[in-house]
Structure formats: structure tokens, C-alpha cells
Amino acid sequence: MRVTAPTMLVDLGGTNVRFGVADPSRDRPLLPDSIRRYRVAEHDSLVSTAKQYLADTGLQVHRAIVAAAGRIDDGETVKVTNNPWAISARQTASALGLEYVHLVNDFAAQSMAVTLLRGDDLVSVGPLPPPVIGAEAEQTFAVVGPGTGLGVGGLLVRQGHCSVLQTEGGHAGFAAHSPEDIEILNYLNHKYGRVSNERLICGQGLVNLYDAICHMVGARPDDLKPEDITARAKDGSCPLCTRTVETFAGIFGSVAGDLVLTLGAWNGVYLTGGLIPILLPWLERGRFRERFEAKGRFRDIMEKVPTQAIMNPEPGLLGAAALAVMESGRSLLPQR
């Protein structure tokens, strides 16, 4: 059965919740005029925020797809990792008068977004051009990105069909590869105990790296937020902030490269998340690709894996729109 009725899309992170509406019958299903953003801290639940969104826009929807930054339990509930809301699909549907609510991991949605990206939505990091989704019968892509946390997902193309891997790969353990990495790991291990990749590669990860680097050189760290660190690195006013973002880019490259080896994502990696547009200049300067490719006996293969930065401001909503298209029965891939 084709499901073409308007679908409310929700991209729920630790800091913000974004709403939009998809028309699955369109080639560009996400309706740009429908997009709104709300601060999680200013609302007590998803239901109350969704009611405000529908009141603010006057839009009518029949179902919803909620992409949430947390593990989905039996397709029914999710406790968002960096967010106080707990969500039940059935209760949310009942409270909003919807036919159903489909819960997915946020990076499952961002992985699906890859199928709808066009032109200026992507910037190549490194010399390789962007891959063509669906150009081969079997393709595997990794999607990874820092925001409030570190999200990890995968897109599988198999015989004309797309599916996603929903993971919590951001919480995998940090692997130190250089003397500097080892010093950083020791500092954070003393502070936190176990050190995951997310402790370094996310907004707060910038602060953790800055504190660790200050400790390593015997400097007293200022009380900085992530945006302070990137701003000072950009204007060149703080060498330690510059070193922080350079170190971040290198470690991010290592993490992304490890993900390729773990998933067999030989067809490409997509870098997403709220920090990507801000950090893009440092990703492009070489340390990201240098450490991405530095995988010993697999270097020759890694040099052939393209890395793309997603510049579209709403990849979560775009991915939820792609899922709405799939639920309608339409294909997301070019017909061969």
C-alpha cells in the first residue's frame, strides 16, 4: 500500500528538536517552509513541543517519524542519550491523534539522508569525488558525526534496496595511536575512567581536548565553551585552541577510518553533525585524511575511500523524509 499522506518529521537531539513535514510523492520530499527548531530545555516533552509546532505552522499530519539520539527499544521506546525526555511511540501517537509514530535512531535517519543529498549539500574532504549512491549492486557507506554527542550509522545498498545500521558506535573505546593521543587518553582516563570516542569527538570533546592539551603543556585552561575554542582557533588568538581543533581533526580521521574497517564501508564515509561546517577548514587541511588513511597494511585501500562533509543544515529531517518515501513504496535509488 502506498502511503503518501503528509508525515511529520522530528529530529530529536540533546540540545534542539527540529520539526518538518514530508510529502512522500515529491522528488524533494522535505518541505522547506515546514522546518522549525525548538530548544529542548524550554519544553517538558516531545508531545507538548509537537503540539506547539502544529499550532505554530497550522499544518496537518497523519503520522510521524521521530529520529532520536538514543537506542530504540523494540521500536517502541527511546531514552534520548543527552536529553531528559523519554518517548513512547504508542503514547505519542495517541496524544497527538496520529495513525502511528515510527521511532528510529537519529543516525539511522542521517544515514538515509545520504540518498537525498544533492550538489552543494556535499563538500569533498580530500581529493576523491563523491560516490554515486546506487551505482553498484552492493555498496556500504559509513556515516559519522559530532554534535552534542558522536553519532555513528551505516547505509547499505543491496540489489536496489536501501537499509541502515543503527549503532551506538560513538561509545566505542578510544584507541590512542600517537604519543600525544596516549597523553590525552591518560588525562581523560584519570578524569572519567573509561574513555569513549565521544569523550573527544563532540562539542564537549573539544573542551576535553583543550583541557588535556593545557595539562600537557603546563598551562592553566580558560573556562571555554566549544564555540569559544573554535572562534579563537579561527582568529588565531589562542595557539592552544588552534592545536585543539587540529588534534580534533586528526583523531576524528582515525575514528572515521576505524569505522570503515569495522563496517567494511569501502564505498565512502559521510561526515555530518553540527560541528562539521565549523570545523571543515581544519578537516580539509590534511590531518583528517592523513590519519584516516594511516591504517598500516590497509593504507592503499583507505586511500581510495572517499570522505564527504554533509553541509545540508537538516540531515536528520532529510533522512526522516527519506524514510517516509520508503514507507510510501517509492524507491530512493535511480532505476537502472
C-alpha atoms as a PDB file:
ATOM      1  CA  MET A   1       0.000   0.000   0.000  1.00  0.00           C
ATOM      2  CA  ARG A   2       1.354   3.416  -0.931  1.00  0.00           C
ATOM      3  CA  VAL A   3       1.433   5.856   1.999  1.00  0.00           C
ATOM      4  CA  THR A   4       1.519   9.359   0.551  1.00  0.00           C
ATOM      5  CA  ALA A   5      -0.202  11.395   3.276  1.00  0.00           C
ATOM      6  CA  PRO A   6       1.809  14.196   4.926  1.00  0.00           C
ATOM      7  CA  THR A   7       4.217  12.888   7.566  1.00  0.00           C
ATOM      8  CA  MET A   8       5.559  14.919  10.467  1.00  0.00           C
ATOM      9  CA  LEU A   9       9.317  14.583  10.820  1.00  0.00           C
ATOM     10  CA  VAL A  10      11.138  15.041  14.122  1.00  0.00           C
ATOM     11  CA  ASP A  11      14.922  15.236  14.607  1.00  0.00           C
ATOM     12  CA  LEU A  12      15.462  14.987  18.349  1.00  0.00           C
ATOM     13  CA  GLY A  13      18.930  15.671  19.721  1.00  0.00           C
ATOM     14  CA  GLY A  14      20.370  16.547  23.083  1.00  0.00           C
ATOM     15  CA  THR A  15      20.037  20.318  22.681  1.00  0.00           C
ATOM     16  CA  ASN A  16      17.487  21.008  19.938  1.00  0.00           C
ATOM     17  CA  VAL A  17      14.437  19.338  18.451  1.00  0.00           C
ATOM     18  CA  ARG A  18      13.671  20.064  14.810  1.00  0.00           C
ATOM     19  CA  PHE A  19      10.358  19.521  13.064  1.00  0.00           C
ATOM     20  CA  GLY A  20       9.358  19.347   9.425  1.00  0.00           C
ATOM     21  CA  VAL A  21       6.824  17.749   7.112  1.00  0.00           C
ATOM     22  CA  ALA A  22       7.413  15.363   4.228  1.00  0.00           C
ATOM     23  CA  ASP A  23       5.327  14.852   1.107  1.00  0.00           C
ATOM     24  CA  PRO A  24       6.481  11.371   0.020  1.00  0.00           C
ATOM     25  CA  SER A  25       5.192  11.876  -3.531  1.00  0.00           C
ATOM     26  CA  ARG A  26       7.748  14.601  -4.294  1.00  0.00           C
ATOM     27  CA  ASP A  27      11.294  14.142  -5.609  1.00  0.00           C
ATOM     28  CA  ARG A  28      12.383  16.523  -2.831  1.00  0.00           C
ATOM     29  CA  PRO A  29      10.057  15.292  -0.097  1.00  0.00           C
ATOM     30  CA  LEU A  30      11.139  17.582   2.765  1.00  0.00           C
ATOM     31  CA  LEU A  31       9.031  20.747   2.574  1.00  0.00           C
ATOM     32  CA  PRO A  32      11.463  23.603   3.334  1.00  0.00           C
ATOM     33  CA  ASP A  33       8.809  26.019   4.619  1.00  0.00           C
ATOM     34  CA  SER A  34       7.741  23.483   7.248  1.00  0.00           C
ATOM     35  CA  ILE A  35      11.023  23.427   9.194  1.00  0.00           C
ATOM     36  CA  ARG A  36      11.090  24.759  12.751  1.00  0.00           C
ATOM     37  CA  ARG A  37      13.554  24.374  15.642  1.00  0.00           C
ATOM     38  CA  TYR A  38      12.873  24.402  19.400  1.00  0.00           C
ATOM     39  CA  ARG A  39      15.175  24.229  22.429  1.00  0.00           C
ATOM     40  CA  VAL A  40      14.719  21.006  24.394  1.00  0.00           C
ATOM     41  CA  ALA A  41      15.392  22.775  27.694  1.00  0.00           C
ATOM     42  CA  GLU A  42      12.413  25.085  27.132  1.00  0.00           C
ATOM     43  CA  HIS A  43       9.851  22.249  26.854  1.00  0.00           C
ATOM     44  CA  ASP A  44       8.825  19.378  29.090  1.00  0.00           C
ATOM     45  CA  SER A  45       8.057  16.680  26.499  1.00  0.00           C
ATOM     46  CA  LEU A  46       8.007  15.781  22.837  1.00  0.00           C
ATOM     47  CA  VAL A  47       4.210  15.798  22.815  1.00  0.00           C
ATOM     48  CA  SER A  48       3.927  19.362  24.115  1.00  0.00           C
ATOM     49  CA  THR A  49       6.571  20.575  21.653  1.00  0.00           C
ATOM     50  CA  ALA A  50       4.872  18.807  18.737  1.00  0.00           C
ATOM     51  CA  LYS A  51       1.550  20.399  19.669  1.00  0.00           C
ATOM     52  CA  GLN A  52       3.223  23.817  19.680  1.00  0.00           C
ATOM     53  CA  TYR A  53       4.826  23.093  16.291  1.00  0.00           C
ATOM     54  CA  LEU A  54       1.492  22.109  14.731  1.00  0.00           C
ATOM     55  CA  ALA A  55      -0.148  25.195  16.248  1.00  0.00           C
ATOM     56  CA  ASP A  56       2.681  27.462  15.046  1.00  0.00           C
ATOM     57  CA  THR A  57       2.549  26.163  11.463  1.00  0.00           C
ATOM     58  CA  GLY A  58      -1.112  25.235  11.065  1.00  0.00           C
ATOM     59  CA  LEU A  59      -0.034  22.040   9.322  1.00  0.00           C
ATOM     60  CA  GLN A  60      -1.996  18.794   9.468  1.00  0.00           C
ATOM     61  CA  VAL A  61      -0.284  15.423   9.502  1.00  0.00           C
ATOM     62  CA  HIS A  62      -1.419  11.806   9.814  1.00  0.00           C
ATOM     63  CA  ARG A  63       1.732  10.061  11.055  1.00  0.00           C
ATOM     64  CA  ALA A  64       5.193  10.861  12.313  1.00  0.00           C
ATOM     65  CA  ILE A  65       8.767   9.659  12.038  1.00  0.00           C
ATOM     66  CA  VAL A  66      10.888  10.533  15.071  1.00  0.00           C
ATOM     67  CA  ALA A  67      14.664  10.331  14.710  1.00  0.00           C
ATOM     68  CA  ALA A  68      16.046  10.326  18.251  1.00  0.00           C
ATOM     69  CA  ALA A  69      19.607  10.387  19.565  1.00  0.00           C
ATOM     70  CA  GLY A  70      19.382   7.165  21.564  1.00  0.00           C
ATOM     71  CA  ARG A  71      18.865   3.431  21.359  1.00  0.00           C
ATOM     72  CA  ILE A  72      15.385   2.374  20.202  1.00  0.00           C
ATOM     73  CA  ASP A  73      13.973  -0.416  22.358  1.00  0.00           C
ATOM     74  CA  ASP A  74      11.730  -2.823  20.396  1.00  0.00           C
ATOM     75  CA  GLY A  75      10.730   0.017  18.087  1.00  0.00           C
ATOM     76  CA  GLU A  76       8.532   1.404  20.838  1.00  0.00           C
ATOM     77  CA  THR A  77      10.521   3.461  23.343  1.00  0.00           C
ATOM     78  CA  VAL A  78      13.679   5.547  23.477  1.00  0.00           C
ATOM     79  CA  LYS A  79      15.517   7.359  26.246  1.00  0.00           C
ATOM     80  CA  VAL A  80      17.472  10.091  24.493  1.00  0.00           C
ATOM     81  CA  THR A  81      21.135   9.898  25.477  1.00  0.00           C
ATOM     82  CA  ASN A  82      21.791  13.589  26.222  1.00  0.00           C
ATOM     83  CA  ASN A  83      18.191  14.673  26.750  1.00  0.00           C
ATOM     84  CA  PRO A  84      15.732  14.292  29.683  1.00  0.00           C
ATOM     85  CA  TRP A  85      12.784  13.149  27.542  1.00  0.00           C
ATOM     86  CA  ALA A  86      11.642   9.519  27.463  1.00  0.00           C
ATOM     87  CA  ILE A  87       9.415   8.703  24.487  1.00  0.00           C
ATOM     88  CA  SER A  88       6.849   6.002  23.751  1.00  0.00           C
ATOM     89  CA  ALA A  89       5.730   5.644  20.142  1.00  0.00           C
ATOM     90  CA  ARG A  90       2.215   4.462  21.064  1.00  0.00           C
ATOM     91  CA  GLN A  91       1.647   7.091  23.720  1.00  0.00           C
ATOM     92  CA  THR A  92       2.925   9.859  21.450  1.00  0.00           C
ATOM     93  CA  ALA A  93       0.669   8.735  18.591  1.00  0.00           C
ATOM     94  CA  SER A  94      -2.337   8.606  20.914  1.00  0.00           C
ATOM     95  CA  ALA A  95      -1.648  12.019  22.451  1.00  0.00           C
ATOM     96  CA  LEU A  96      -1.269  13.665  19.021  1.00  0.00           C
ATOM     97  CA  GLY A  97      -4.098  11.777  17.309  1.00  0.00           C
ATOM     98  CA  LEU A  98      -1.798  10.175  14.733  1.00  0.00           C
ATOM     99  CA  GLU A  99      -2.113   6.841  12.924  1.00  0.00           C
ATOM    100  CA  TYR A 100       1.336   5.842  14.128  1.00  0.00           C
ATOM    101  CA  VAL A 101       4.728   7.120  15.246  1.00  0.00           C
ATOM    102  CA  HIS A 102       7.844   5.430  13.854  1.00  0.00           C
ATOM    103  CA  LEU A 103      10.894   5.747  16.130  1.00  0.00           C
ATOM    104  CA  VAL A 104      14.363   5.469  14.604  1.00  0.00           C
ATOM    105  CA  ASN A 105      17.869   6.221  15.793  1.00  0.00           C
ATOM    106  CA  ASP A 106      18.976   9.688  14.686  1.00  0.00           C
ATOM    107  CA  PHE A 107      21.963   8.351  12.815  1.00  0.00           C
ATOM    108  CA  ALA A 108      19.832   5.770  11.065  1.00  0.00           C
ATOM    109  CA  ALA A 109      17.945   8.781   9.714  1.00  0.00           C
ATOM    110  CA  GLN A 110      21.141  10.669   8.875  1.00  0.00           C
ATOM    111  CA  SER A 111      22.364   7.564   7.050  1.00  0.00           C
ATOM    112  CA  MET A 112      19.216   7.565   4.930  1.00  0.00           C
ATOM    113  CA  ALA A 113      19.682  11.281   4.236  1.00  0.00           C
ATOM    114  CA  VAL A 114      22.648  10.381   2.043  1.00  0.00           C
ATOM    115  CA  THR A 115      20.215   9.148  -0.622  1.00  0.00           C
ATOM    116  CA  LEU A 116      18.655  12.623  -0.980  1.00  0.00           C
ATOM    117  CA  LEU A 117      21.780  14.800  -0.909  1.00  0.00           C
ATOM    118  CA  ARG A 118      22.399  16.942  -3.988  1.00  0.00           C
ATOM    119  CA  GLY A 119      25.142  19.244  -5.288  1.00  0.00           C
ATOM    120  CA  ASP A 120      26.018  21.860  -2.702  1.00  0.00           C
ATOM    121  CA  ASP A 121      24.894  19.532   0.104  1.00  0.00           C
ATOM    122  CA  LEU A 122      28.339  17.893  -0.049  1.00  0.00           C
ATOM    123  CA  VAL A 123      31.968  19.022   0.118  1.00  0.00           C
ATOM    124  CA  SER A 124      34.751  16.534  -0.589  1.00  0.00           C
ATOM    125  CA  VAL A 125      37.313  16.178   2.188  1.00  0.00           C
ATOM    126  CA  GLY A 126      40.401  15.031   0.322  1.00  0.00           C
ATOM    127  CA  PRO A 127      40.967  14.516  -3.401  1.00  0.00           C
ATOM    128  CA  LEU A 128      38.311  11.900  -4.157  1.00  0.00           C
ATOM    129  CA  PRO A 129      34.959  12.803  -5.774  1.00  0.00           C
ATOM    130  CA  PRO A 130      31.660  11.915  -4.093  1.00  0.00           C
ATOM    131  CA  PRO A 131      30.386   8.383  -4.671  1.00  0.00           C
ATOM    132  CA  VAL A 132      27.208   7.699  -6.624  1.00  0.00           C
ATOM    133  CA  ILE A 133      24.612   6.015  -4.432  1.00  0.00           C
ATOM    134  CA  GLY A 134      23.166   3.018  -6.253  1.00  0.00           C
ATOM    135  CA  ALA A 135      25.885   2.918  -8.929  1.00  0.00           C
ATOM    136  CA  GLU A 136      26.733  -0.641  -7.876  1.00  0.00           C
ATOM    137  CA  ALA A 137      24.514  -3.527  -6.827  1.00  0.00           C
ATOM    138  CA  GLU A 138      26.199  -3.677  -3.419  1.00  0.00           C
ATOM    139  CA  GLN A 139      27.565  -0.664  -1.566  1.00  0.00           C
ATOM    140  CA  THR A 140      28.343   0.065   2.087  1.00  0.00           C
ATOM    141  CA  PHE A 141      28.737   3.588   3.457  1.00  0.00           C
ATOM    142  CA  ALA A 142      29.557   4.870   6.933  1.00  0.00           C
ATOM    143  CA  VAL A 143      28.007   7.986   8.432  1.00  0.00           C
ATOM    144  CA  VAL A 144      29.682   9.596  11.430  1.00  0.00           C
ATOM    145  CA  GLY A 145      29.410  12.960  13.042  1.00  0.00           C
ATOM    146  CA  PRO A 146      29.989  15.103  16.103  1.00  0.00           C
ATOM    147  CA  GLY A 147      27.337  17.289  17.657  1.00  0.00           C
ATOM    148  CA  THR A 148      26.110  17.137  21.238  1.00  0.00           C
ATOM    149  CA  GLY A 149      27.403  13.547  21.105  1.00  0.00           C
ATOM    150  CA  LEU A 150      29.067  11.364  18.474  1.00  0.00           C
ATOM    151  CA  GLY A 151      26.702   9.548  16.132  1.00  0.00           C
ATOM    152  CA  VAL A 152      27.577   6.525  14.023  1.00  0.00           C
ATOM    153  CA  GLY A 153      25.459   4.817  11.382  1.00  0.00           C
ATOM    154  CA  GLY A 154      25.712   2.906   8.153  1.00  0.00           C
ATOM    155  CA  LEU A 155      23.894   2.815   4.817  1.00  0.00           C
ATOM    156  CA  LEU A 156      23.660  -0.477   2.960  1.00  0.00           C
ATOM    157  CA  VAL A 157      22.682  -0.658  -0.702  1.00  0.00           C
ATOM    158  CA  ARG A 158      21.789  -4.188  -1.746  1.00  0.00           C
ATOM    159  CA  GLN A 159      20.231  -5.080  -5.092  1.00  0.00           C
ATOM    160  CA  GLY A 160      18.353  -1.805  -5.465  1.00  0.00           C
ATOM    161  CA  HIS A 161      17.239  -1.532  -1.847  1.00  0.00           C
ATOM    162  CA  CYS A 162      18.498   0.672   0.987  1.00  0.00           C
ATOM    163  CA  SER A 163      18.729  -0.245   4.640  1.00  0.00           C
ATOM    164  CA  VAL A 164      20.508   1.261   7.597  1.00  0.00           C
ATOM    165  CA  LEU A 165      22.613   0.109  10.503  1.00  0.00           C
ATOM    166  CA  GLN A 166      21.519   1.621  13.808  1.00  0.00           C
ATOM    167  CA  THR A 167      24.516   1.730  16.136  1.00  0.00           C
ATOM    168  CA  GLU A 168      25.900   3.315  19.260  1.00  0.00           C
ATOM    169  CA  GLY A 169      29.395   3.301  17.772  1.00  0.00           C
ATOM    170  CA  GLY A 170      30.181   6.690  19.252  1.00  0.00           C
ATOM    171  CA  HIS A 171      30.516   4.953  22.608  1.00  0.00           C
ATOM    172  CA  ALA A 172      33.207   2.541  21.375  1.00  0.00           C
ATOM    173  CA  GLY A 173      36.508   2.898  23.209  1.00  0.00           C
ATOM    174  CA  PHE A 174      39.052   5.492  22.090  1.00  0.00           C
ATOM    175  CA  ALA A 175      42.151   3.940  20.512  1.00  0.00           C
ATOM    176  CA  ALA A 176      45.313   6.003  21.016  1.00  0.00           C
ATOM    177  CA  HIS A 177      47.782   5.922  18.108  1.00  0.00           C
ATOM    178  CA  SER A 178      50.407   8.591  18.864  1.00  0.00           C
ATOM    179  CA  PRO A 179      52.358   9.808  21.914  1.00  0.00           C
ATOM    180  CA  GLU A 180      50.018  12.821  22.068  1.00  0.00           C
ATOM    181  CA  ASP A 181      46.994  10.505  21.920  1.00  0.00           C
ATOM    182  CA  ILE A 182      48.393   8.472  24.803  1.00  0.00           C
ATOM    183  CA  GLU A 183      48.866  11.572  26.972  1.00  0.00           C
ATOM    184  CA  ILE A 184      45.319  12.690  26.171  1.00  0.00           C
ATOM    185  CA  LEU A 185      43.973   9.221  26.972  1.00  0.00           C
ATOM    186  CA  ASN A 186      45.817   9.139  30.301  1.00  0.00           C
ATOM    187  CA  TYR A 187      44.442  12.558  31.275  1.00  0.00           C
ATOM    188  CA  LEU A 188      40.840  11.667  30.352  1.00  0.00           C
ATOM    189  CA  ASN A 189      41.101   8.187  31.849  1.00  0.00           C
ATOM    190  CA  HIS A 190      42.042   9.768  35.169  1.00  0.00           C
ATOM    191  CA  LYS A 191      39.089  12.156  34.855  1.00  0.00           C
ATOM    192  CA  TYR A 192      36.377   9.809  33.542  1.00  0.00           C
ATOM    193  CA  GLY A 193      37.560   6.230  33.865  1.00  0.00           C
ATOM    194  CA  ARG A 194      36.648   4.587  30.559  1.00  0.00           C
ATOM    195  CA  VAL A 195      37.235   6.913  27.590  1.00  0.00           C
ATOM    196  CA  SER A 196      34.949   6.536  24.580  1.00  0.00           C
ATOM    197  CA  ASN A 197      35.375   8.220  21.212  1.00  0.00           C
ATOM    198  CA  GLU A 198      32.509  10.518  22.184  1.00  0.00           C
ATOM    199  CA  ARG A 199      34.601  11.928  25.045  1.00  0.00           C
ATOM    200  CA  LEU A 200      36.818  13.530  22.389  1.00  0.00           C
ATOM    201  CA  ILE A 201      34.755  13.844  19.201  1.00  0.00           C
ATOM    202  CA  CYS A 202      31.757  16.038  20.022  1.00  0.00           C
ATOM    203  CA  GLY A 203      31.161  19.565  21.277  1.00  0.00           C
ATOM    204  CA  GLN A 204      32.193  18.791  24.844  1.00  0.00           C
ATOM    205  CA  GLY A 205      35.023  16.723  23.372  1.00  0.00           C
ATOM    206  CA  LEU A 206      36.610  19.943  22.136  1.00  0.00           C
ATOM    207  CA  VAL A 207      36.635  21.182  25.733  1.00  0.00           C
ATOM    208  CA  ASN A 208      38.061  17.869  26.966  1.00  0.00           C
ATOM    209  CA  LEU A 209      40.831  18.037  24.358  1.00  0.00           C
ATOM    210  CA  TYR A 210      41.587  21.666  25.204  1.00  0.00           C
ATOM    211  CA  ASP A 211      41.836  20.853  28.924  1.00  0.00           C
ATOM    212  CA  ALA A 212      44.062  17.846  28.192  1.00  0.00           C
ATOM    213  CA  ILE A 213      46.396  19.852  25.956  1.00  0.00           C
ATOM    214  CA  CYS A 214      46.651  22.638  28.540  1.00  0.00           C
ATOM    215  CA  HIS A 215      47.526  19.988  31.138  1.00  0.00           C
ATOM    216  CA  MET A 216      50.180  18.510  28.837  1.00  0.00           C
ATOM    217  CA  VAL A 217      51.963  21.848  28.344  1.00  0.00           C
ATOM    218  CA  GLY A 218      51.526  23.066  31.918  1.00  0.00           C
ATOM    219  CA  ALA A 219      49.103  25.882  31.041  1.00  0.00           C
ATOM    220  CA  ARG A 220      46.057  26.866  33.056  1.00  0.00           C
ATOM    221  CA  PRO A 221      42.953  26.382  30.869  1.00  0.00           C
ATOM    222  CA  ASP A 222      40.443  29.165  30.488  1.00  0.00           C
ATOM    223  CA  ASP A 223      36.788  28.342  31.132  1.00  0.00           C
ATOM    224  CA  LEU A 224      35.824  27.939  27.469  1.00  0.00           C
ATOM    225  CA  LYS A 225      32.811  26.595  25.632  1.00  0.00           C
ATOM    226  CA  PRO A 226      33.206  24.666  22.341  1.00  0.00           C
ATOM    227  CA  GLU A 227      32.262  27.755  20.317  1.00  0.00           C
ATOM    228  CA  ASP A 228      34.926  29.780  22.155  1.00  0.00           C
ATOM    229  CA  ILE A 229      37.606  27.276  21.202  1.00  0.00           C
ATOM    230  CA  THR A 230      36.687  27.231  17.511  1.00  0.00           C
ATOM    231  CA  ALA A 231      36.356  31.032  17.428  1.00  0.00           C
ATOM    232  CA  ARG A 232      39.814  31.537  18.962  1.00  0.00           C
ATOM    233  CA  ALA A 233      41.294  28.953  16.608  1.00  0.00           C
ATOM    234  CA  LYS A 234      39.698  30.687  13.650  1.00  0.00           C
ATOM    235  CA  ASP A 235      41.025  34.148  14.510  1.00  0.00           C
ATOM    236  CA  GLY A 236      44.418  32.810  15.596  1.00  0.00           C
ATOM    237  CA  SER A 237      44.242  34.408  19.029  1.00  0.00           C
ATOM    238  CA  CYS A 238      44.986  31.235  21.012  1.00  0.00           C
ATOM    239  CA  PRO A 239      47.650  28.710  19.908  1.00  0.00           C
ATOM    240  CA  LEU A 240      46.291  26.112  22.329  1.00  0.00           C
ATOM    241  CA  CYS A 241      42.818  26.400  20.780  1.00  0.00           C
ATOM    242  CA  THR A 242      44.353  26.027  17.324  1.00  0.00           C
ATOM    243  CA  ARG A 243      46.208  22.925  18.492  1.00  0.00           C
ATOM    244  CA  THR A 244      42.941  21.625  19.959  1.00  0.00           C
ATOM    245  CA  VAL A 245      40.991  21.791  16.696  1.00  0.00           C
ATOM    246  CA  GLU A 246      43.942  20.382  14.743  1.00  0.00           C
ATOM    247  CA  THR A 247      44.149  17.481  17.195  1.00  0.00           C
ATOM    248  CA  PHE A 248      40.378  17.023  16.980  1.00  0.00           C
ATOM    249  CA  ALA A 249      40.581  16.772  13.165  1.00  0.00           C
ATOM    250  CA  GLY A 250      43.319  14.149  13.366  1.00  0.00           C
ATOM    251  CA  ILE A 251      41.597  11.977  15.961  1.00  0.00           C
ATOM    252  CA  PHE A 252      38.315  12.294  14.055  1.00  0.00           C
ATOM    253  CA  GLY A 253      40.144  10.963  10.996  1.00  0.00           C
ATOM    254  CA  SER A 254      41.369   7.950  12.978  1.00  0.00           C
ATOM    255  CA  VAL A 255      37.872   7.254  14.305  1.00  0.00           C
ATOM    256  CA  ALA A 256      36.317   7.525  10.830  1.00  0.00           C
ATOM    257  CA  GLY A 257      38.972   5.257   9.365  1.00  0.00           C
ATOM    258  CA  ASP A 258      38.416   2.650  12.083  1.00  0.00           C
ATOM    259  CA  LEU A 259      34.723   2.763  11.233  1.00  0.00           C
ATOM    260  CA  VAL A 260      35.476   1.924   7.594  1.00  0.00           C
ATOM    261  CA  LEU A 261      37.435  -1.140   8.724  1.00  0.00           C
ATOM    262  CA  THR A 262      34.709  -2.158  11.195  1.00  0.00           C
ATOM    263  CA  LEU A 263      31.762  -1.868   8.793  1.00  0.00           C
ATOM    264  CA  GLY A 264      33.567  -2.632   5.549  1.00  0.00           C
ATOM    265  CA  ALA A 265      32.434   0.805   4.339  1.00  0.00           C
ATOM    266  CA  TRP A 266      34.747   0.803   1.328  1.00  0.00           C
ATOM    267  CA  ASN A 267      32.369   2.919  -0.772  1.00  0.00           C
ATOM    268  CA  GLY A 268      32.647   6.059   1.324  1.00  0.00           C
ATOM    269  CA  VAL A 269      32.213   7.950   4.563  1.00  0.00           C
ATOM    270  CA  TYR A 270      29.856  10.862   5.172  1.00  0.00           C
ATOM    271  CA  LEU A 271      30.762  13.350   7.894  1.00  0.00           C
ATOM    272  CA  THR A 272      27.791  15.029   9.481  1.00  0.00           C
ATOM    273  CA  GLY A 273      26.709  16.787  12.662  1.00  0.00           C
ATOM    274  CA  GLY A 274      26.524  20.351  13.835  1.00  0.00           C
ATOM    275  CA  LEU A 275      30.301  20.801  14.157  1.00  0.00           C
ATOM    276  CA  ILE A 276      31.167  19.822  10.577  1.00  0.00           C
ATOM    277  CA  PRO A 277      30.574  23.207   8.871  1.00  0.00           C
ATOM    278  CA  ILE A 278      32.539  24.933  11.652  1.00  0.00           C
ATOM    279  CA  LEU A 279      35.465  22.503  11.572  1.00  0.00           C
ATOM    280  CA  LEU A 280      35.568  21.981   7.802  1.00  0.00           C
ATOM    281  CA  PRO A 281      38.661  24.203   7.237  1.00  0.00           C
ATOM    282  CA  TRP A 282      40.703  22.036   9.629  1.00  0.00           C
ATOM    283  CA  LEU A 283      39.333  18.802   8.176  1.00  0.00           C
ATOM    284  CA  GLU A 284      40.411  19.975   4.718  1.00  0.00           C
ATOM    285  CA  ARG A 285      43.963  20.879   5.794  1.00  0.00           C
ATOM    286  CA  GLY A 286      45.148  17.301   5.785  1.00  0.00           C
ATOM    287  CA  ARG A 287      45.348  15.835   9.290  1.00  0.00           C
ATOM    288  CA  PHE A 288      41.929  14.230   8.957  1.00  0.00           C
ATOM    289  CA  ARG A 289      42.811  12.354   5.754  1.00  0.00           C
ATOM    290  CA  GLU A 290      46.348  11.655   6.943  1.00  0.00           C
ATOM    291  CA  ARG A 291      45.103   9.762   9.972  1.00  0.00           C
ATOM    292  CA  PHE A 292      42.066   8.370   8.153  1.00  0.00           C
ATOM    293  CA  GLU A 293      44.409   6.621   5.708  1.00  0.00           C
ATOM    294  CA  ALA A 294      47.050   5.593   8.277  1.00  0.00           C
ATOM    295  CA  LYS A 295      45.803   2.036   8.733  1.00  0.00           C
ATOM    296  CA  GLY A 296      49.001   0.075   8.217  1.00  0.00           C
ATOM    297  CA  ARG A 297      48.549  -2.732   5.698  1.00  0.00           C
ATOM    298  CA  PHE A 298      45.214  -1.233   4.624  1.00  0.00           C
ATOM    299  CA  ARG A 299      46.605   2.193   3.675  1.00  0.00           C
ATOM    300  CA  ASP A 300      46.357   1.500  -0.084  1.00  0.00           C
ATOM    301  CA  ILE A 301      42.671   0.629   0.269  1.00  0.00           C
ATOM    302  CA  MET A 302      41.913   3.535   2.595  1.00  0.00           C
ATOM    303  CA  GLU A 303      43.412   5.998   0.112  1.00  0.00           C
ATOM    304  CA  LYS A 304      40.603   5.005  -2.282  1.00  0.00           C
ATOM    305  CA  VAL A 305      37.745   5.581   0.184  1.00  0.00           C
ATOM    306  CA  PRO A 306      36.080   8.988  -0.365  1.00  0.00           C
ATOM    307  CA  THR A 307      35.134  11.198   2.577  1.00  0.00           C
ATOM    308  CA  GLN A 308      32.361  13.755   2.174  1.00  0.00           C
ATOM    309  CA  ALA A 309      31.236  16.534   4.515  1.00  0.00           C
ATOM    310  CA  ILE A 310      27.472  16.989   4.645  1.00  0.00           C
ATOM    311  CA  MET A 311      26.701  20.693   4.532  1.00  0.00           C
ATOM    312  CA  ASN A 312      22.902  20.434   4.359  1.00  0.00           C
ATOM    313  CA  PRO A 313      21.695  22.067   7.601  1.00  0.00           C
ATOM    314  CA  GLU A 314      18.965  19.486   8.245  1.00  0.00           C
ATOM    315  CA  PRO A 315      20.329  15.984   7.566  1.00  0.00           C
ATOM    316  CA  GLY A 316      18.198  14.454  10.341  1.00  0.00           C
ATOM    317  CA  LEU A 317      14.961  15.765   8.871  1.00  0.00           C
ATOM    318  CA  LEU A 318      16.134  14.897   5.367  1.00  0.00           C
ATOM    319  CA  GLY A 319      16.802  11.328   6.465  1.00  0.00           C
ATOM    320  CA  ALA A 320      13.403  11.077   8.124  1.00  0.00           C
ATOM    321  CA  ALA A 321      11.903  12.322   4.843  1.00  0.00           C
ATOM    322  CA  ALA A 322      13.782   9.554   3.012  1.00  0.00           C
ATOM    323  CA  LEU A 323      12.245   7.025   5.392  1.00  0.00           C
ATOM    324  CA  ALA A 324       8.815   8.484   4.641  1.00  0.00           C
ATOM    325  CA  VAL A 325       9.493   7.932   0.939  1.00  0.00           C
ATOM    326  CA  MET A 326      10.452   4.309   1.628  1.00  0.00           C
ATOM    327  CA  GLU A 327       7.250   3.793   3.617  1.00  0.00           C
ATOM    328  CA  SER A 328       5.307   5.128   0.642  1.00  0.00           C
ATOM    329  CA  GLY A 329       6.698   2.361  -1.551  1.00  0.00           C
ATOM    330  CA  ARG A 330       8.802   4.634  -3.746  1.00  0.00           C
ATOM    331  CA  SER A 331      12.462   3.836  -4.433  1.00  0.00           C
ATOM    332  CA  LEU A 332      15.190   6.188  -3.249  1.00  0.00           C
ATOM    333  CA  LEU A 333      17.669   4.903  -5.819  1.00  0.00           C
ATOM    334  CA  PRO A 334      17.922   5.695  -9.525  1.00  0.00           C
ATOM    335  CA  GLN A 335      16.285   2.993 -11.589  1.00  0.00           C
ATOM    336  CA  ARG A 336      18.910   1.049 -13.505  1.00  0.00           C
END
